[in-house]
Amino acid sequence: MNKTELTSKIAELSGLSKADSKKALDATIEAIKGALKAEDKVALIGFGTFAVATRPERKGINPANQQAITIPAKKVVKFKAGSELAF
């Protein structure tokens, strides 16, 4: 399912117009992105939790020349599905 299909499904299930559904979906995504940029956890009961995790620095190998390299630490978004999401 892509964003357009999701917008259509939201409109169908909620009774909103497709334009209003798109605005609601866009606002939801922006709110989640804003919270994650502030390193807050976003918990949607019955769906799951989005959180920011720090991936530590690690050693790797450059596949082009087989030399050892250091991959720097970075922050990544993790999603943990809620127990009610299982089907």
PDB file of N, CA and C in Angstrom:
ATOM      1  N   MET A   1       0.855  -1.165   0.000  1.00  0.00           N
ATOM      2  CA  MET A   1       0.000   0.000   0.000  1.00  0.00           C
ATOM      3  C   MET A   1       0.905   1.233   0.000  1.00  0.00           C
ATOM      4  N   ASN A   2       0.675   2.148  -0.923  1.00  0.00           N
ATOM      5  CA  ASN A   2       1.444   3.389  -0.956  1.00  0.00           C
ATOM      6  C   ASN A   2       0.636   4.522  -0.303  1.00  0.00           C
ATOM      7  N   LYS A   3       1.217   5.720  -0.292  1.00  0.00           N
ATOM      8  CA  LYS A   3       0.584   6.842   0.406  1.00  0.00           C
ATOM      9  C   LYS A   3      -0.768   7.206  -0.208  1.00  0.00           C
ATOM     10  N   THR A   4      -0.882   7.167  -1.518  1.00  0.00           N
ATOM     11  CA  THR A   4      -2.149   7.491  -2.184  1.00  0.00           C
ATOM     12  C   THR A   4      -3.227   6.482  -1.808  1.00  0.00           C
ATOM     13  N   GLU A   5      -2.871   5.212  -1.811  1.00  0.00           N
ATOM     14  CA  GLU A   5      -3.832   4.173  -1.439  1.00  0.00           C
ATOM     15  C   GLU A   5      -4.225   4.295   0.036  1.00  0.00           C
ATOM     16  N   LEU A   6      -3.263   4.634   0.886  1.00  0.00           N
ATOM     17  CA  LEU A   6      -3.563   4.824   2.301  1.00  0.00           C
ATOM     18  C   LEU A   6      -4.496   6.012   2.506  1.00  0.00           C
ATOM     19  N   THR A   7      -4.260   7.092   1.784  1.00  0.00           N
ATOM     20  CA  THR A   7      -5.133   8.268   1.864  1.00  0.00           C
ATOM     21  C   THR A   7      -6.556   7.904   1.443  1.00  0.00           C
ATOM     22  N   SER A   8      -6.687   7.139   0.376  1.00  0.00           N
ATOM     23  CA  SER A   8      -8.010   6.713  -0.093  1.00  0.00           C
ATOM     24  C   SER A   8      -8.707   5.840   0.947  1.00  0.00           C
ATOM     25  N   LYS A   9      -7.956   4.951   1.577  1.00  0.00           N
ATOM     26  CA  LYS A   9      -8.535   4.059   2.586  1.00  0.00           C
ATOM     27  C   LYS A   9      -8.969   4.846   3.814  1.00  0.00           C
ATOM     28  N   ILE A  10      -8.165   5.841   4.217  1.00  0.00           N
ATOM     29  CA  ILE A  10      -8.537   6.693   5.350  1.00  0.00           C
ATOM     30  C   ILE A  10      -9.829   7.437   5.036  1.00  0.00           C
ATOM     31  N   ALA A  11      -9.937   7.959   3.811  1.00  0.00           N
ATOM     32  CA  ALA A  11     -11.146   8.675   3.400  1.00  0.00           C
ATOM     33  C   ALA A  11     -12.356   7.751   3.446  1.00  0.00           C
ATOM     34  N   GLU A  12     -12.182   6.546   2.964  1.00  0.00           N
ATOM     35  CA  GLU A  12     -13.275   5.565   2.931  1.00  0.00           C
ATOM     36  C   GLU A  12     -13.745   5.189   4.347  1.00  0.00           C
ATOM     37  N   LEU A  13     -12.785   4.935   5.241  1.00  0.00           N
ATOM     38  CA  LEU A  13     -13.128   4.484   6.582  1.00  0.00           C
ATOM     39  C   LEU A  13     -13.621   5.603   7.497  1.00  0.00           C
ATOM     40  N   SER A  14     -13.163   6.839   7.251  1.00  0.00           N
ATOM     41  CA  SER A  14     -13.506   7.933   8.161  1.00  0.00           C
ATOM     42  C   SER A  14     -14.654   8.808   7.671  1.00  0.00           C
ATOM     43  N   GLY A  15     -14.944   8.728   6.389  1.00  0.00           N
ATOM     44  CA  GLY A  15     -15.977   9.595   5.836  1.00  0.00           C
ATOM     45  C   GLY A  15     -15.460  10.977   5.467  1.00  0.00           C
ATOM     46  N   LEU A  16     -14.156  11.199   5.606  1.00  0.00           N
ATOM     47  CA  LEU A  16     -13.549  12.466   5.202  1.00  0.00           C
ATOM     48  C   LEU A  16     -13.330  12.484   3.692  1.00  0.00           C
ATOM     49  N   SER A  17     -13.143  13.666   3.142  1.00  0.00           N
ATOM     50  CA  SER A  17     -12.794  13.745   1.723  1.00  0.00           C
ATOM     51  C   SER A  17     -11.353  13.286   1.554  1.00  0.00           C
ATOM     52  N   LYS A  18     -10.966  12.961   0.329  1.00  0.00           N
ATOM     53  CA  LYS A  18      -9.590  12.539   0.086  1.00  0.00           C
ATOM     54  C   LYS A  18      -8.620  13.666   0.401  1.00  0.00           C
ATOM     55  N   ALA A  19      -9.005  14.919   0.113  1.00  0.00           N
ATOM     56  CA  ALA A  19      -8.135  16.061   0.401  1.00  0.00           C
ATOM     57  C   ALA A  19      -7.927  16.207   1.905  1.00  0.00           C
ATOM     58  N   ASP A  20      -8.998  16.074   2.682  1.00  0.00           N
ATOM     59  CA  ASP A  20      -8.879  16.168   4.139  1.00  0.00           C
ATOM     60  C   ASP A  20      -8.090  14.993   4.705  1.00  0.00           C
ATOM     61  N   SER A  21      -8.279  13.813   4.123  1.00  0.00           N
ATOM     62  CA  SER A  21      -7.539  12.636   4.567  1.00  0.00           C
ATOM     63  C   SER A  21      -6.047  12.806   4.308  1.00  0.00           C
ATOM     64  N   LYS A  22      -5.709  13.381   3.158  1.00  0.00           N
ATOM     65  CA  LYS A  22      -4.302  13.624   2.830  1.00  0.00           C
ATOM     66  C   LYS A  22      -3.702  14.627   3.812  1.00  0.00           C
ATOM     67  N   LYS A  23      -4.433  15.688   4.136  1.00  0.00           N
ATOM     68  CA  LYS A  23      -3.945  16.676   5.103  1.00  0.00           C
ATOM     69  C   LYS A  23      -3.735  16.036   6.471  1.00  0.00           C
ATOM     70  N   ALA A  24      -4.667  15.179   6.889  1.00  0.00           N
ATOM     71  CA  ALA A  24      -4.560  14.515   8.188  1.00  0.00           C
ATOM     72  C   ALA A  24      -3.355  13.572   8.219  1.00  0.00           C
ATOM     73  N   LEU A  25      -3.160  12.811   7.149  1.00  0.00           N
ATOM     74  CA  LEU A  25      -2.026  11.891   7.083  1.00  0.00           C
ATOM     75  C   LEU A  25      -0.710  12.662   7.077  1.00  0.00           C
ATOM     76  N   ASP A  26      -0.628  13.722   6.274  1.00  0.00           N
ATOM     77  CA  ASP A  26       0.582  14.542   6.217  1.00  0.00           C
ATOM     78  C   ASP A  26       0.888  15.162   7.581  1.00  0.00           C
ATOM     79  N   ALA A  27      -0.140  15.653   8.268  1.00  0.00           N
ATOM     80  CA  ALA A  27       0.052  16.250   9.589  1.00  0.00           C
ATOM     81  C   ALA A  27       0.533  15.205  10.590  1.00  0.00           C
ATOM     82  N   THR A  28       0.000  14.003  10.516  1.00  0.00           N
ATOM     83  CA  THR A  28       0.410  12.922  11.409  1.00  0.00           C
ATOM     84  C   THR A  28       1.876  12.574  11.188  1.00  0.00           C
ATOM     85  N   ILE A  29       2.264  12.442   9.932  1.00  0.00           N
ATOM     86  CA  ILE A  29       3.647  12.109   9.599  1.00  0.00           C
ATOM     87  C   ILE A  29       4.588  13.215  10.082  1.00  0.00           C
ATOM     88  N   GLU A  30       4.221  14.459   9.865  1.00  0.00           N
ATOM     89  CA  GLU A  30       5.056  15.586  10.302  1.00  0.00           C
ATOM     90  C   GLU A  30       5.174  15.625  11.823  1.00  0.00           C
ATOM     91  N   ALA A  31       4.089  15.333  12.527  1.00  0.00           N
ATOM     92  CA  ALA A  31       4.125  15.315  13.991  1.00  0.00           C
ATOM     93  C   ALA A  31       5.061  14.218  14.500  1.00  0.00           C
ATOM     94  N   ILE A  32       5.001  13.047  13.881  1.00  0.00           N
ATOM     95  CA  ILE A  32       5.886  11.942  14.269  1.00  0.00           C
ATOM     96  C   ILE A  32       7.336  12.305  13.970  1.00  0.00           C
ATOM     97  N   LYS A  33       7.603  12.870  12.789  1.00  0.00           N
ATOM     98  CA  LYS A  33       8.966  13.272  12.429  1.00  0.00           C
ATOM     99  C   LYS A  33       9.507  14.321  13.400  1.00  0.00           C
ATOM    100  N   GLY A  34       8.674  15.284  13.765  1.00  0.00           N
ATOM    101  CA  GLY A  34       9.093  16.318  14.700  1.00  0.00           C
ATOM    102  C   GLY A  34       9.450  15.751  16.062  1.00  0.00           C
ATOM    103  N   ALA A  35       8.641  14.820  16.534  1.00  0.00           N
ATOM    104  CA  ALA A  35       8.912  14.192  17.833  1.00  0.00           C
ATOM    105  C   ALA A  35      10.208  13.391  17.783  1.00  0.00           C
ATOM    106  N   LEU A  36      10.435  12.674  16.699  1.00  0.00           N
ATOM    107  CA  LEU A  36      11.652  11.873  16.577  1.00  0.00           C
ATOM    108  C   LEU A  36      12.891  12.754  16.452  1.00  0.00           C
ATOM    109  N   LYS A  37      12.770  13.893  15.759  1.00  0.00           N
ATOM    110  CA  LYS A  37      13.901  14.819  15.676  1.00  0.00           C
ATOM    111  C   LYS A  37      14.257  15.363  17.048  1.00  0.00           C
ATOM    112  N   ALA A  38      13.258  15.516  17.912  1.00  0.00           N
ATOM    113  CA  ALA A  38      13.486  15.964  19.291  1.00  0.00           C
ATOM    114  C   ALA A  38      13.881  14.793  20.194  1.00  0.00           C
ATOM    115  N   GLU A  39      14.052  13.618  19.591  1.00  0.00           N
ATOM    116  CA  GLU A  39      14.422  12.373  20.268  1.00  0.00           C
ATOM    117  C   GLU A  39      13.394  11.921  21.294  1.00  0.00           C
ATOM    118  N   ASP A  40      12.122  12.259  21.038  1.00  0.00           N
ATOM    119  CA  ASP A  40      11.028  11.755  21.863  1.00  0.00           C
ATOM    120  C   ASP A  40      10.570  10.411  21.299  1.00  0.00           C
ATOM    121  N   LYS A  41       9.965   9.608  22.150  1.00  0.00           N
ATOM    122  CA  LYS A  41       9.396   8.336  21.726  1.00  0.00           C
ATOM    123  C   LYS A  41       7.932   8.582  21.360  1.00  0.00           C
ATOM    124  N   VAL A  42       7.456   7.954  20.282  1.00  0.00           N
ATOM    125  CA  VAL A  42       6.060   8.083  19.857  1.00  0.00           C
ATOM    126  C   VAL A  42       5.407   6.709  20.014  1.00  0.00           C
ATOM    127  N   ALA A  43       4.488   6.599  20.962  1.00  0.00           N
ATOM    128  CA  ALA A  43       3.809   5.329  21.235  1.00  0.00           C
ATOM    129  C   ALA A  43       2.354   5.447  20.805  1.00  0.00           C
ATOM    130  N   LEU A  44       1.954   4.613  19.870  1.00  0.00           N
ATOM    131  CA  LEU A  44       0.572   4.550  19.403  1.00  0.00           C
ATOM    132  C   LEU A  44       0.001   3.231  19.912  1.00  0.00           C
ATOM    133  N   ILE A  45      -0.789   3.323  20.966  1.00  0.00           N
ATOM    134  CA  ILE A  45      -1.330   2.131  21.620  1.00  0.00           C
ATOM    135  C   ILE A  45      -2.096   1.288  20.598  1.00  0.00           C
ATOM    136  N   GLY A  46      -1.788   0.006  20.556  1.00  0.00           N
ATOM    137  CA  GLY A  46      -2.435  -0.906  19.633  1.00  0.00           C
ATOM    138  C   GLY A  46      -1.757  -0.971  18.276  1.00  0.00           C
ATOM    139  N   PHE A  47      -0.803  -0.072  18.015  1.00  0.00           N
ATOM    140  CA  PHE A  47      -0.100  -0.075  16.734  1.00  0.00           C
ATOM    141  C   PHE A  47       1.377  -0.363  16.929  1.00  0.00           C
ATOM    142  N   GLY A  48       2.062   0.497  17.694  1.00  0.00           N
ATOM    143  CA  GLY A  48       3.489   0.292  17.923  1.00  0.00           C
ATOM    144  C   GLY A  48       4.158   1.547  18.430  1.00  0.00           C
ATOM    145  N   THR A  49       5.478   1.467  18.537  1.00  0.00           N
ATOM    146  CA  THR A  49       6.264   2.557  19.088  1.00  0.00           C
ATOM    147  C   THR A  49       7.420   2.898  18.156  1.00  0.00           C
ATOM    148  N   PHE A  50       7.578   4.197  17.884  1.00  0.00           N
ATOM    149  CA  PHE A  50       8.717   4.711  17.134  1.00  0.00           C
ATOM    150  C   PHE A  50       9.681   5.314  18.149  1.00  0.00           C
ATOM    151  N   ALA A  51      10.970   5.037  18.023  1.00  0.00           N
ATOM    152  CA  ALA A  51      11.963   5.593  18.938  1.00  0.00           C
ATOM    153  C   ALA A  51      13.275   5.804  18.191  1.00  0.00           C
ATOM    154  N   VAL A  52      14.080   6.732  18.697  1.00  0.00           N
ATOM    155  CA  VAL A  52      15.393   6.995  18.133  1.00  0.00           C
ATOM    156  C   VAL A  52      16.412   6.188  18.923  1.00  0.00           C
ATOM    157  N   ALA A  53      17.287   5.476  18.204  1.00  0.00           N
ATOM    158  CA  ALA A  53      18.344   4.699  18.839  1.00  0.00           C
ATOM    159  C   ALA A  53      19.680   5.142  18.250  1.00  0.00           C
ATOM    160  N   THR A  54      20.730   5.036  19.036  1.00  0.00           N
ATOM    161  CA  THR A  54      22.063   5.374  18.558  1.00  0.00           C
ATOM    162  C   THR A  54      22.782   4.096  18.168  1.00  0.00           C
ATOM    163  N   ARG A  55      23.221   4.050  16.931  1.00  0.00           N
ATOM    164  CA  ARG A  55      24.001   2.919  16.447  1.00  0.00           C
ATOM    165  C   ARG A  55      25.470   3.266  16.684  1.00  0.00           C
ATOM    166  N   PRO A  56      26.202   2.462  17.440  1.00  0.00           N
ATOM    167  CA  PRO A  56      27.582   2.823  17.792  1.00  0.00           C
ATOM    168  C   PRO A  56      28.537   2.743  16.601  1.00  0.00           C
ATOM    169  N   GLU A  57      29.685   3.387  16.763  1.00  0.00           N
ATOM    170  CA  GLU A  57      30.747   3.305  15.759  1.00  0.00           C
ATOM    171  C   GLU A  57      31.187   1.852  15.647  1.00  0.00           C
ATOM    172  N   ARG A  58      31.525   1.426  14.430  1.00  0.00           N
ATOM    173  CA  ARG A  58      31.943   0.037  14.250  1.00  0.00           C
ATOM    174  C   ARG A  58      32.946  -0.076  13.102  1.00  0.00           C
ATOM    175  N   LYS A  59      33.591  -1.199  13.042  1.00  0.00           N
ATOM    176  CA  LYS A  59      34.565  -1.466  11.983  1.00  0.00           C
ATOM    177  C   LYS A  59      33.847  -2.113  10.809  1.00  0.00           C
ATOM    178  N   GLY A  60      34.299  -1.797   9.607  1.00  0.00           N
ATOM    179  CA  GLY A  60      33.739  -2.387   8.401  1.00  0.00           C
ATOM    180  C   GLY A  60      34.833  -2.574   7.372  1.00  0.00           C
ATOM    181  N   ILE A  61      34.457  -3.089   6.220  1.00  0.00           N
ATOM    182  CA  ILE A  61      35.412  -3.306   5.140  1.00  0.00           C
ATOM    183  C   ILE A  61      34.868  -2.649   3.883  1.00  0.00           C
ATOM    184  N   ASN A  62      35.711  -1.856   3.230  1.00  0.00           N
ATOM    185  CA  ASN A  62      35.353  -1.236   1.966  1.00  0.00           C
ATOM    186  C   ASN A  62      35.324  -2.340   0.910  1.00  0.00           C
ATOM    187  N   PRO A  63      34.175  -2.623   0.299  1.00  0.00           N
ATOM    188  CA  PRO A  63      34.101  -3.722  -0.670  1.00  0.00           C
ATOM    189  C   PRO A  63      34.909  -3.464  -1.943  1.00  0.00           C
ATOM    190  N   ALA A  64      35.194  -2.205  -2.244  1.00  0.00           N
ATOM    191  CA  ALA A  64      35.940  -1.892  -3.468  1.00  0.00           C
ATOM    192  C   ALA A  64      37.413  -2.281  -3.357  1.00  0.00           C
ATOM    193  N   ASN A  65      38.002  -2.069  -2.166  1.00  0.00           N
ATOM    194  CA  ASN A  65      39.442  -2.343  -2.052  1.00  0.00           C
ATOM    195  C   ASN A  65      39.801  -3.212  -0.841  1.00  0.00           C
ATOM    196  N   GLN A  66      38.834  -3.714  -0.153  1.00  0.00           N
ATOM    197  CA  GLN A  66      39.003  -4.624   0.987  1.00  0.00           C
ATOM    198  C   GLN A  66      39.778  -4.014   2.150  1.00  0.00           C
ATOM    199  N   GLN A  67      39.853  -2.683   2.231  1.00  0.00           N
ATOM    200  CA  GLN A  67      40.530  -2.034   3.343  1.00  0.00           C
ATOM    201  C   GLN A  67      39.565  -1.852   4.515  1.00  0.00           C
ATOM    202  N   ALA A  68      40.113  -1.939   5.721  1.00  0.00           N
ATOM    203  CA  ALA A  68      39.299  -1.735   6.927  1.00  0.00           C
ATOM    204  C   ALA A  68      38.952  -0.251   7.045  1.00  0.00           C
ATOM    205  N   ILE A  69      37.713   0.025   7.396  1.00  0.00           N
ATOM    206  CA  ILE A  69      37.262   1.397   7.597  1.00  0.00           C
ATOM    207  C   ILE A  69      36.492   1.462   8.911  1.00  0.00           C
ATOM    208  N   THR A  70      36.343   2.672   9.418  1.00  0.00           N
ATOM    209  CA  THR A  70      35.534   2.890  10.609  1.00  0.00           C
ATOM    210  C   THR A  70      34.232   3.537  10.177  1.00  0.00           C
ATOM    211  N   ILE A  71      33.134   2.886  10.508  1.00  0.00           N
ATOM    212  CA  ILE A  71      31.808   3.414  10.190  1.00  0.00           C
ATOM    213  C   ILE A  71      31.381   4.247  11.400  1.00  0.00           C
ATOM    214  N   PRO A  72      31.108   5.537  11.194  1.00  0.00           N
ATOM    215  CA  PRO A  72      30.806   6.406  12.341  1.00  0.00           C
ATOM    216  C   PRO A  72      29.463   6.069  13.004  1.00  0.00           C
ATOM    217  N   ALA A  73      29.338   6.472  14.257  1.00  0.00           N
ATOM    218  CA  ALA A  73      28.083   6.294  14.991  1.00  0.00           C
ATOM    219  C   ALA A  73      27.013   7.162  14.344  1.00  0.00           C
ATOM    220  N   LYS A  74      25.759   6.726  14.426  1.00  0.00           N
ATOM    221  CA  LYS A  74      24.660   7.530  13.901  1.00  0.00           C
ATOM    222  C   LYS A  74      23.369   7.177  14.618  1.00  0.00           C
ATOM    223  N   LYS A  75      22.397   8.047  14.457  1.00  0.00           N
ATOM    224  CA  LYS A  75      21.084   7.835  15.059  1.00  0.00           C
ATOM    225  C   LYS A  75      20.150   7.278  13.998  1.00  0.00           C
ATOM    226  N   VAL A  76      19.357   6.300  14.392  1.00  0.00           N
ATOM    227  CA  VAL A  76      18.412   5.664  13.480  1.00  0.00           C
ATOM    228  C   VAL A  76      17.046   5.564  14.160  1.00  0.00           C
ATOM    229  N   VAL A  77      16.008   5.458  13.356  1.00  0.00           N
ATOM    230  CA  VAL A  77      14.653   5.294  13.879  1.00  0.00           C
ATOM    231  C   VAL A  77      14.346   3.800  13.942  1.00  0.00           C
ATOM    232  N   LYS A  78      13.823   3.381  15.072  1.00  0.00           N
ATOM    233  CA  LYS A  78      13.414   1.986  15.251  1.00  0.00           C
ATOM    234  C   LYS A  78      11.906   1.951  15.473  1.00  0.00           C
ATOM    235  N   PHE A  79      11.261   0.897  14.977  1.00  0.00           N
ATOM    236  CA  PHE A  79       9.830   0.696  15.182  1.00  0.00           C
ATOM    237  C   PHE A  79       9.635  -0.657  15.829  1.00  0.00           C
ATOM    238  N   LYS A  80       8.862  -0.672  16.913  1.00  0.00           N
ATOM    239  CA  LYS A  80       8.508  -1.925  17.564  1.00  0.00           C
ATOM    240  C   LYS A  80       7.003  -2.075  17.489  1.00  0.00           C
ATOM    241  N   ALA A  81       6.543  -3.119  16.821  1.00  0.00           N
ATOM    242  CA  ALA A  81       5.114  -3.341  16.646  1.00  0.00           C
ATOM    243  C   ALA A  81       4.445  -3.672  17.977  1.00  0.00           C
ATOM    244  N   GLY A  82       3.246  -3.165  18.153  1.00  0.00           N
ATOM    245  CA  GLY A  82       2.460  -3.456  19.337  1.00  0.00           C
ATOM    246  C   GLY A  82       1.868  -4.844  19.258  1.00  0.00           C
ATOM    247  N   SER A  83       1.505  -5.404  20.394  1.00  0.00           N
ATOM    248  CA  SER A  83       0.982  -6.775  20.412  1.00  0.00           C
ATOM    249  C   SER A  83      -0.355  -6.888  19.689  1.00  0.00           C
ATOM    250  N   GLU A  84      -1.124  -5.814  19.656  1.00  0.00           N
ATOM    251  CA  GLU A  84      -2.431  -5.851  18.967  1.00  0.00           C
ATOM    252  C   GLU A  84      -2.292  -5.758  17.459  1.00  0.00           C
ATOM    253  N   LEU A  85      -1.106  -5.429  16.958  1.00  0.00           N
ATOM    254  CA  LEU A  85      -0.897  -5.291  15.515  1.00  0.00           C
ATOM    255  C   LEU A  85      -0.801  -6.657  14.818  1.00  0.00           C
ATOM    256  N   ALA A  86      -0.453  -7.686  15.559  1.00  0.00           N
ATOM    257  CA  ALA A  86      -0.318  -9.021  14.979  1.00  0.00           C
ATOM    258  C   ALA A  86      -1.638  -9.467  14.348  1.00  0.00           C
ATOM    259  N   PHE A  87      -1.532 -10.200  13.274  1.00  0.00           N
ATOM    260  CA  PHE A  87      -2.737 -10.669  12.577  1.00  0.00           C
ATOM    261  C   PHE A  87      -2.782 -12.165  12.483  1.00  0.00           C
TER     262      PHE A  87
END
